Amino acid sequence: MQGKEKLEWAMTHMDVLSEIREEFLKKRPFKGLKIGMALHVEAKTGILALTLRDGGADVRLASCNPLSTDDEVVEALRADGLNVYARKGESREEYYENLHKVLEYEPNIIIDDGGDLTTLLHGEYSHIEIMGGNEETTTGVMRLKVMEKKGVLRFPMFNVNDAKMKHLFDNRYGTGQSTLDGIMSATNLSIAGKTAVVAGYGWCGRGVAMRMRGMGANVIVTEIDAVKAIEARMDGFRVMPMIDAVKEADIIVTTTGMKDILRKEHFKEIKDGCILANSGHFDNEINKKDLEEMAKSRKRIRKYVEEFSLGDKKVYLLGDGRLINLVAGQGHPVEIMDMSFAIQALTAEYIASHNSLAPRVYPVPEEIDELVAKLKLKAMGIKIDKLTEEQKRYLEEWKEGT
């Protein structure tokens, strides 16, 4: 069974989570608890779900995106007795039906990606008592902060996305590599020699821009944040408004978490033959409605490539505007997700042992970040220096010359 082989391959390269799993097997921190998950259902996620189960949890898992599921992995997880509700290519109705199946089970802890599970728990499932949960991605954290600001957040949620051992590696190196993997798999075209536009210079945008340049592309960055725009320029990239960038672009990748990054005004000016890809969580960064209304005709020319004829030019939308790294690629590298899912697992353990937290958005405790970093160094066979006792005393002094 290929799904089982994918799980075994992932487990072999997830050293940090494997060590946490051994501790969970001994301590059983989730005994008697139910954990509901909405994540991209593929091999690395499967290992996280199995790790939580080994810690004593009764786990249910749904997808957080209609096109990101690996059906072979779903089959293997079900064969191993895990409750999984997902398939690649879900309709909108099926997608929400599967989220409902997770929540009908009335979980004690949730692990969310994008915020849809959390949102449902503030609507028709608001009767469920939740100990807490954690949110993995930028988009979901944005939604959580709005809920907290408006005073409607019902239970504590941990911002996993901004943990150092998550965003510095997952968002940058994970998104950078997997986005290019998805684009190249979908198109079988070269990156080298093309002009690539990256919308947004957060950690995901940094990663994509860095990898695009490494593959030989001429990279332009678009931004709304003055500080990030300066950073992008000093990192060696051209910076300009999207309305100007589209005129040069051979490839455009959106990485912002904001809607309508590409819209009608941009499609009017866009270069003939431009390839459009999204690496943000939701499929609203590229305004598909505008694209469809402007198109004289449209047709699918490869599995994940749709051609839109705009009269005197054509543009190509990849993966229906959804997460290209998981629609056409394999998602983030295994070793990268090892760190992110270690943060998820340990944060869930923290929630299980702190069941009276106030309903707000919390940062991941520093001790969890530090533990994951140390476990990763150990897995990589890297040793680092420590402060001497004299150096420690020096840090506590304030007098000149001490």
Protein backbone atom coordinates (compact mmCIF):
# COMPACT_ATOMS: atom_id res chain seq x y z
CA MET A 1 0.00 0.00 0.00
CA GLN A 2 1.60 3.28 -1.13
CA GLY A 3 -0.04 5.29 1.63
CA LYS A 4 1.58 3.13 4.28
CA GLU A 5 4.95 3.50 2.57
CA LYS A 6 4.53 7.30 2.54
CA LEU A 7 3.77 7.28 6.26
CA GLU A 8 6.79 5.09 6.98
CA TRP A 9 9.06 7.35 4.90
CA ALA A 10 7.80 10.42 6.75
CA MET A 11 8.25 8.78 10.15
CA THR A 12 11.84 7.83 9.25
CA HIS A 13 12.69 11.50 8.67
CA MET A 14 10.72 13.06 11.53
CA ASP A 15 13.25 12.58 14.33
CA VAL A 16 11.93 15.34 16.57
CA LEU A 17 8.34 14.13 16.52
CA SER A 18 9.54 10.54 16.97
CA GLU A 19 11.29 11.48 20.22
CA ILE A 20 8.17 13.32 21.42
CA ARG A 21 6.13 10.26 20.52
CA GLU A 22 8.28 8.08 22.78
CA GLU A 23 7.58 10.46 25.66
CA PHE A 24 3.88 10.49 24.86
CA LEU A 25 3.77 6.69 24.92
CA LYS A 26 5.20 6.76 28.44
CA LYS A 27 3.20 9.69 29.85
CA ARG A 28 -0.09 9.36 27.92
CA PRO A 29 -0.88 13.10 28.37
CA PHE A 30 -4.11 12.92 26.37
CA LYS A 31 -5.66 9.90 28.07
CA GLY A 32 -9.43 10.33 28.07
CA LEU A 33 -9.32 13.37 25.78
CA LYS A 34 -10.65 13.86 22.25
CA ILE A 35 -8.65 15.90 19.71
CA GLY A 36 -10.27 17.29 16.56
CA MET A 37 -7.97 18.27 13.72
CA ALA A 38 -8.40 20.20 10.45
CA LEU A 39 -5.09 20.11 8.57
CA HIS A 40 -3.75 19.24 5.14
CA VAL A 41 -4.19 15.47 5.17
CA GLU A 42 -0.97 13.97 3.88
CA ALA A 43 1.84 11.81 5.27
CA LYS A 44 3.42 14.30 7.68
CA THR A 45 0.02 15.20 9.12
CA GLY A 46 -0.71 11.51 9.47
CA ILE A 47 2.36 11.08 11.68
CA LEU A 48 1.20 13.95 13.89
CA ALA A 49 -2.26 12.38 14.24
CA LEU A 50 -0.76 8.99 15.11
CA THR A 51 1.60 10.64 17.62
CA LEU A 52 -1.36 12.26 19.40
CA ARG A 53 -3.17 8.93 19.42
CA ASP A 54 -0.09 7.28 20.93
CA GLY A 55 -0.35 9.92 23.64
CA GLY A 56 -3.78 8.59 24.56
CA ALA A 57 -6.01 10.86 22.47
CA ASP A 58 -9.09 9.81 20.55
CA VAL A 59 -8.40 11.61 17.27
CA ARG A 60 -10.58 12.73 14.38
CA LEU A 61 -9.03 14.38 11.33
CA ALA A 62 -10.49 16.38 8.43
CA SER A 63 -8.84 18.38 5.69
CA CYS A 64 -8.46 22.17 5.86
CA ASN A 65 -8.41 22.48 2.05
CA PRO A 66 -10.47 20.67 -0.61
CA LEU A 67 -7.48 19.92 -2.85
CA SER A 68 -4.66 19.16 -0.40
CA THR A 69 -5.56 15.61 0.63
CA ASP A 70 -3.45 12.56 -0.27
CA ASP A 71 -6.05 9.81 -0.76
CA GLU A 72 -3.47 7.02 -0.39
CA VAL A 73 -2.49 8.33 3.02
CA VAL A 74 -6.15 8.62 4.05
CA GLU A 75 -6.66 4.96 3.13
CA ALA A 76 -3.60 3.91 5.15
CA LEU A 77 -4.64 5.93 8.20
CA ARG A 78 -8.14 4.47 8.11
CA ALA A 79 -6.65 0.98 7.85
CA ASP A 80 -4.71 1.81 11.02
CA GLY A 81 -7.95 2.66 12.80
CA LEU A 82 -7.81 6.46 12.61
CA ASN A 83 -11.03 8.41 11.96
CA VAL A 84 -10.26 10.48 8.85
CA TYR A 85 -12.80 12.51 6.86
CA ALA A 86 -11.15 13.82 3.70
CA ARG A 87 -10.62 13.23 0.01
CA LYS A 88 -8.84 15.15 -2.70
CA GLY A 89 -11.25 17.25 -4.74
CA GLU A 90 -13.98 17.70 -2.14
CA SER A 91 -16.88 19.93 -3.07
CA ARG A 92 -17.59 22.87 -0.77
CA GLU A 93 -20.47 20.89 0.73
CA GLU A 94 -18.28 17.82 1.35
CA TYR A 95 -15.55 19.98 2.85
CA TYR A 96 -17.87 21.42 5.49
CA GLU A 97 -19.61 18.10 6.02
CA ASN A 98 -16.24 16.61 6.99
CA LEU A 99 -15.52 19.46 9.39
CA HIS A 100 -18.93 18.82 10.94
CA LYS A 101 -18.01 15.15 11.47
CA VAL A 102 -15.00 16.23 13.51
CA LEU A 103 -17.04 18.63 15.65
CA GLU A 104 -20.05 16.34 16.12
CA TYR A 105 -17.60 14.23 18.09
CA GLU A 106 -17.27 17.15 20.57
CA PRO A 107 -13.48 17.36 20.88
CA ASN A 108 -11.74 18.72 23.99
CA ILE A 109 -8.79 20.16 22.05
CA ILE A 110 -8.58 21.33 18.43
CA ILE A 111 -5.68 21.68 16.02
CA ASP A 112 -6.67 24.02 13.20
CA ASP A 113 -5.14 25.33 9.97
CA GLY A 114 -6.84 28.37 8.47
CA GLY A 115 -9.50 28.86 11.13
CA ASP A 116 -12.54 27.11 9.66
CA LEU A 117 -12.83 24.63 12.53
CA THR A 118 -12.53 27.46 15.04
CA THR A 119 -15.15 29.54 13.23
CA LEU A 120 -17.68 26.69 13.32
CA LEU A 121 -17.09 26.40 17.06
CA HIS A 122 -18.24 30.00 17.36
CA GLY A 123 -21.40 29.34 15.36
CA GLU A 124 -23.56 26.24 15.31
CA TYR A 125 -21.15 24.34 17.58
CA SER A 126 -20.83 27.06 20.21
CA HIS A 127 -22.33 24.71 22.80
CA ILE A 128 -19.18 22.58 22.84
CA GLU A 129 -16.81 23.22 25.75
CA ILE A 130 -13.25 23.43 24.40
CA MET A 131 -10.16 23.34 26.63
CA GLY A 132 -8.19 25.12 23.92
CA GLY A 133 -6.47 24.66 20.61
CA ASN A 134 -3.72 25.81 18.33
CA GLU A 135 -3.64 27.45 14.92
CA GLU A 136 -0.94 26.67 12.39
CA THR A 137 -1.05 29.27 9.65
CA THR A 138 -0.91 33.03 9.06
CA THR A 139 -4.47 33.26 7.74
CA GLY A 140 -5.94 31.47 10.74
CA VAL A 141 -3.98 33.61 13.20
CA MET A 142 -5.29 36.77 11.48
CA ARG A 143 -8.84 35.54 12.04
CA LEU A 144 -8.13 34.63 15.67
CA LYS A 145 -6.74 38.08 16.44
CA VAL A 146 -9.86 39.71 15.00
CA MET A 147 -12.03 37.45 17.17
CA GLU A 148 -9.97 38.30 20.25
CA LYS A 149 -10.10 42.03 19.49
CA LYS A 150 -13.90 41.91 19.12
CA GLY A 151 -14.24 39.95 22.36
CA VAL A 152 -15.91 36.91 20.82
CA LEU A 153 -13.17 34.28 21.23
CA ARG A 154 -14.65 31.57 23.46
CA PHE A 155 -11.57 29.52 24.36
CA PRO A 156 -7.76 29.82 24.46
CA MET A 157 -5.93 29.40 21.15
CA PHE A 158 -2.18 29.18 20.68
CA ASN A 159 -0.51 30.99 17.81
CA VAL A 160 1.75 28.24 16.48
CA ASN A 161 2.47 30.17 13.28
CA ASP A 162 4.58 32.78 15.06
CA ALA A 163 6.63 30.31 17.10
CA LYS A 164 10.28 30.68 16.07
CA MET A 165 10.67 26.98 15.26
CA LYS A 166 7.63 27.26 12.98
CA HIS A 167 7.71 30.45 10.93
CA LEU A 168 11.49 30.75 10.56
CA PHE A 169 11.65 27.34 8.93
CA ASP A 170 8.19 26.16 7.83
CA ASN A 171 7.08 29.47 6.30
CA ARG A 172 10.44 30.33 4.77
CA TYR A 173 12.18 27.09 3.77
CA GLY A 174 9.07 24.93 3.60
CA THR A 175 6.91 27.27 1.53
CA GLY A 176 9.87 28.31 -0.60
CA GLN A 177 10.74 24.79 -1.69
CA SER A 178 7.25 23.32 -1.89
CA THR A 179 5.81 26.23 -3.91
CA LEU A 180 8.41 25.80 -6.61
CA ASP A 181 7.89 22.05 -6.47
CA GLY A 182 4.17 22.58 -7.13
CA ILE A 183 4.70 25.08 -9.96
CA MET A 184 7.27 22.93 -11.74
CA SER A 185 5.19 19.77 -11.29
CA ALA A 186 2.06 21.49 -12.65
CA THR A 187 3.72 23.11 -15.67
CA ASN A 188 6.97 21.24 -16.46
CA LEU A 189 8.42 24.65 -17.34
CA SER A 190 11.71 26.24 -16.41
CA ILE A 191 12.05 28.79 -13.62
CA ALA A 192 15.44 29.97 -14.87
CA GLY A 193 15.34 32.99 -17.14
CA LYS A 194 11.82 34.03 -16.22
CA THR A 195 10.65 37.14 -14.38
CA ALA A 196 8.89 36.00 -11.21
CA VAL A 197 6.71 38.30 -9.11
CA VAL A 198 6.22 37.40 -5.45
CA ALA A 199 3.32 39.16 -3.73
CA GLY A 200 4.14 39.73 -0.08
CA TYR A 201 7.48 39.66 1.71
CA GLY A 202 6.51 37.96 4.94
CA TRP A 203 8.30 34.75 5.83
CA CYS A 204 6.51 32.78 3.09
CA GLY A 205 7.24 35.45 0.49
CA ARG A 206 10.88 35.61 1.59
CA GLY A 207 11.17 31.87 1.08
CA VAL A 208 9.58 31.88 -2.37
CA ALA A 209 11.64 34.88 -3.53
CA MET A 210 14.85 33.27 -2.28
CA ARG A 211 14.13 29.97 -4.01
CA MET A 212 13.02 31.66 -7.24
CA ARG A 213 16.28 33.58 -7.37
CA GLY A 214 18.19 30.41 -6.61
CA MET A 215 16.55 28.73 -9.61
CA GLY A 216 17.64 31.57 -11.90
CA ALA A 217 14.58 33.81 -11.97
CA ASN A 218 14.63 37.61 -12.05
CA VAL A 219 12.51 38.37 -8.96
CA ILE A 220 10.19 41.32 -8.29
CA VAL A 221 8.50 41.74 -4.89
CA THR A 222 5.25 43.63 -4.26
CA GLU A 223 4.38 44.88 -0.77
CA ILE A 224 2.11 47.19 1.22
CA ASP A 225 4.44 47.35 4.24
CA ALA A 226 7.16 50.00 3.94
CA VAL A 227 9.62 48.18 6.20
CA LYS A 228 9.25 44.87 4.35
CA ALA A 229 9.57 46.67 1.01
CA ILE A 230 12.90 48.16 2.09
CA GLU A 231 14.03 44.77 3.36
CA ALA A 232 13.17 43.15 0.02
CA ARG A 233 15.10 45.82 -1.86
CA MET A 234 18.13 45.44 0.40
CA ASP A 235 17.93 41.68 -0.06
CA GLY A 236 18.53 42.39 -3.75
CA PHE A 237 15.03 42.20 -5.22
CA ARG A 238 13.23 44.80 -7.30
CA VAL A 239 10.18 46.27 -5.58
CA MET A 240 7.20 47.87 -7.32
CA PRO A 241 3.38 48.02 -7.26
CA MET A 242 1.57 45.00 -8.65
CA ILE A 243 0.01 47.08 -11.45
CA ASP A 244 3.53 47.63 -12.82
CA ALA A 245 4.90 44.20 -11.97
CA VAL A 246 2.23 42.31 -13.96
CA LYS A 247 3.47 43.91 -17.18
CA GLU A 248 6.80 42.11 -16.80
CA ALA A 249 5.76 38.91 -15.06
CA ASP A 250 6.16 35.44 -16.51
CA ILE A 251 5.11 33.92 -13.16
CA ILE A 252 3.20 35.51 -10.27
CA VAL A 253 2.98 33.84 -6.85
CA THR A 254 0.72 35.24 -4.11
CA THR A 255 1.80 34.62 -0.50
CA THR A 256 -0.12 37.20 1.54
CA GLY A 257 -3.20 35.77 3.29
CA MET A 258 -5.15 38.75 1.85
CA LYS A 259 -7.91 38.62 -0.79
CA ASP A 260 -7.85 40.17 -4.28
CA ILE A 261 -4.10 40.52 -4.67
CA LEU A 262 -4.65 39.96 -8.40
CA ARG A 263 -7.90 41.41 -9.75
CA LYS A 264 -9.49 42.97 -12.83
CA GLU A 265 -7.23 46.02 -13.01
CA HIS A 266 -4.19 43.73 -13.01
CA PHE A 267 -5.59 41.28 -15.55
CA LYS A 268 -6.12 44.19 -17.97
CA GLU A 269 -2.39 44.99 -17.85
CA ILE A 270 -0.96 41.49 -17.43
CA LYS A 271 1.69 40.08 -19.75
CA ASP A 272 0.64 37.50 -22.33
CA GLY A 273 1.37 33.96 -21.18
CA CYS A 274 1.70 34.81 -17.49
CA ILE A 275 1.39 31.91 -15.02
CA LEU A 276 -0.62 32.58 -11.84
CA ALA A 277 -0.08 30.56 -8.67
CA ASN A 278 -1.20 30.99 -5.06
CA SER A 279 0.59 29.84 -1.92
CA GLY A 280 -1.79 31.53 0.52
CA HIS A 281 -4.24 29.43 2.52
CA PHE A 282 -7.50 30.41 0.82
CA ASP A 283 -8.25 30.55 -2.91
CA ASN A 284 -9.18 34.24 -2.83
CA GLU A 285 -5.79 35.89 -3.40
CA ILE A 286 -6.33 35.59 -7.15
CA ASN A 287 -9.81 36.92 -7.93
CA LYS A 288 -11.17 34.06 -10.00
CA LYS A 289 -14.53 35.74 -10.52
CA ASP A 290 -12.86 38.69 -12.26
CA LEU A 291 -10.76 36.33 -14.35
CA GLU A 292 -13.78 34.28 -15.39
CA GLU A 293 -15.82 37.37 -16.29
CA MET A 294 -13.02 38.80 -18.43
CA ALA A 295 -12.25 35.53 -20.22
CA LYS A 296 -13.42 35.12 -23.81
CA SER A 297 -12.82 31.40 -23.37
CA ARG A 298 -11.20 28.99 -20.93
CA LYS A 299 -9.97 25.43 -21.05
CA ARG A 300 -7.95 23.00 -18.99
CA ILE A 301 -4.74 22.15 -20.81
CA ARG A 302 -2.96 20.16 -18.09
CA LYS A 303 -4.22 18.51 -14.91
CA TYR A 304 -3.55 21.59 -12.80
CA VAL A 305 -3.30 24.26 -15.51
CA GLU A 306 -6.30 26.22 -16.82
CA GLU A 307 -5.91 28.62 -19.74
CA PHE A 308 -7.93 31.85 -19.76
CA SER A 309 -8.08 33.73 -23.06
CA LEU A 310 -8.49 37.45 -22.43
CA GLY A 311 -8.76 38.41 -26.06
CA ASP A 312 -5.31 39.51 -27.15
CA LYS A 313 -3.52 37.48 -24.47
CA LYS A 314 -3.70 34.31 -22.41
CA VAL A 315 -2.98 33.66 -18.75
CA TYR A 316 -2.64 30.34 -16.96
CA LEU A 317 -4.12 29.67 -13.52
CA LEU A 318 -2.53 26.83 -11.56
CA GLY A 319 -4.42 24.55 -9.19
CA ASP A 320 -7.69 26.49 -9.35
CA GLY A 321 -5.97 29.25 -7.40
CA ARG A 322 -5.57 27.03 -4.35
CA LEU A 323 -2.40 26.16 -2.44
CA ILE A 324 -0.16 25.12 -5.32
CA ASN A 325 2.40 23.42 -3.11
CA LEU A 326 -0.19 20.89 -1.96
CA VAL A 327 -2.48 20.81 -5.00
CA ALA A 328 0.28 19.91 -7.46
CA GLY A 329 3.23 19.34 -5.12
CA GLN A 330 3.93 17.22 -2.07
CA GLY A 331 3.70 19.97 0.52
CA HIS A 332 6.55 21.09 2.74
CA PRO A 333 9.60 18.84 3.11
CA VAL A 334 9.32 16.17 5.80
CA GLU A 335 12.15 17.52 7.99
CA ILE A 336 10.56 20.99 7.98
CA MET A 337 7.14 19.75 9.07
CA ASP A 338 8.83 17.66 11.74
CA MET A 339 9.59 20.90 13.60
CA SER A 340 6.16 22.48 13.01
CA PHE A 341 4.23 19.41 14.06
CA ALA A 342 6.46 18.98 17.11
CA ILE A 343 5.31 22.47 18.15
CA GLN A 344 1.69 21.43 17.51
CA ALA A 345 2.01 18.25 19.57
CA LEU A 346 3.75 19.90 22.53
CA THR A 347 1.31 22.82 22.54
CA ALA A 348 -1.59 20.37 22.64
CA GLU A 349 0.10 18.68 25.61
CA TYR A 350 0.42 22.10 27.29
CA ILE A 351 -3.32 22.71 26.83
CA ALA A 352 -4.12 19.30 28.29
CA SER A 353 -2.22 20.17 31.48
CA HIS A 354 -3.47 23.80 31.75
CA ASN A 355 -7.25 23.56 31.56
CA SER A 356 -8.16 26.94 33.08
CA LEU A 357 -6.62 29.35 30.58
CA ALA A 358 -8.51 32.53 29.71
CA PRO A 359 -10.03 32.78 26.21
CA ARG A 360 -7.39 34.71 24.27
CA VAL A 361 -4.65 34.17 21.69
CA TYR A 362 -1.44 32.94 23.34
CA PRO A 363 2.10 32.71 22.00
CA VAL A 364 3.69 29.28 22.12
CA PRO A 365 5.57 29.02 25.46
CA GLU A 366 9.29 29.72 25.02
CA GLU A 367 10.22 26.43 26.67
CA ILE A 368 8.41 24.54 23.90
CA ASP A 369 10.23 26.49 21.18
CA GLU A 370 13.54 25.87 22.96
CA LEU A 371 12.88 22.15 23.42
CA VAL A 372 12.06 21.66 19.74
CA ALA A 373 15.22 23.55 18.75
CA LYS A 374 17.36 21.36 20.99
CA LEU A 375 15.74 18.17 19.70
CA LYS A 376 16.31 19.31 16.12
CA LEU A 377 19.98 20.05 16.79
CA LYS A 378 20.32 16.60 18.33
CA ALA A 379 18.69 15.01 15.28
CA MET A 380 21.09 16.91 12.99
CA GLY A 381 24.11 15.86 15.04
CA ILE A 382 25.02 19.48 15.80
CA LYS A 383 26.56 20.67 19.07
CA ILE A 384 26.74 24.32 20.11
CA ASP A 385 28.62 26.35 22.73
CA LYS A 386 27.36 27.30 26.19
CA LEU A 387 28.08 30.35 28.32
CA THR A 388 30.73 29.93 30.97
CA GLU A 389 29.85 30.79 34.57
CA GLU A 390 31.93 33.97 34.22
CA GLN A 391 29.96 34.96 31.09
CA LYS A 392 26.70 34.36 32.91
CA ARG A 393 27.86 36.65 35.74
CA TYR A 394 28.90 39.26 33.15
CA LEU A 395 25.34 39.37 31.82
CA GLU A 396 24.09 40.26 35.31
CA GLU A 397 26.51 43.18 35.82
CA TRP A 398 25.96 46.80 34.89
CA LYS A 399 29.02 48.68 36.12
CA GLU A 400 31.45 49.90 33.51
CA GLY A 401 34.43 47.63 32.97
CA THR A 402 33.06 44.67 34.90
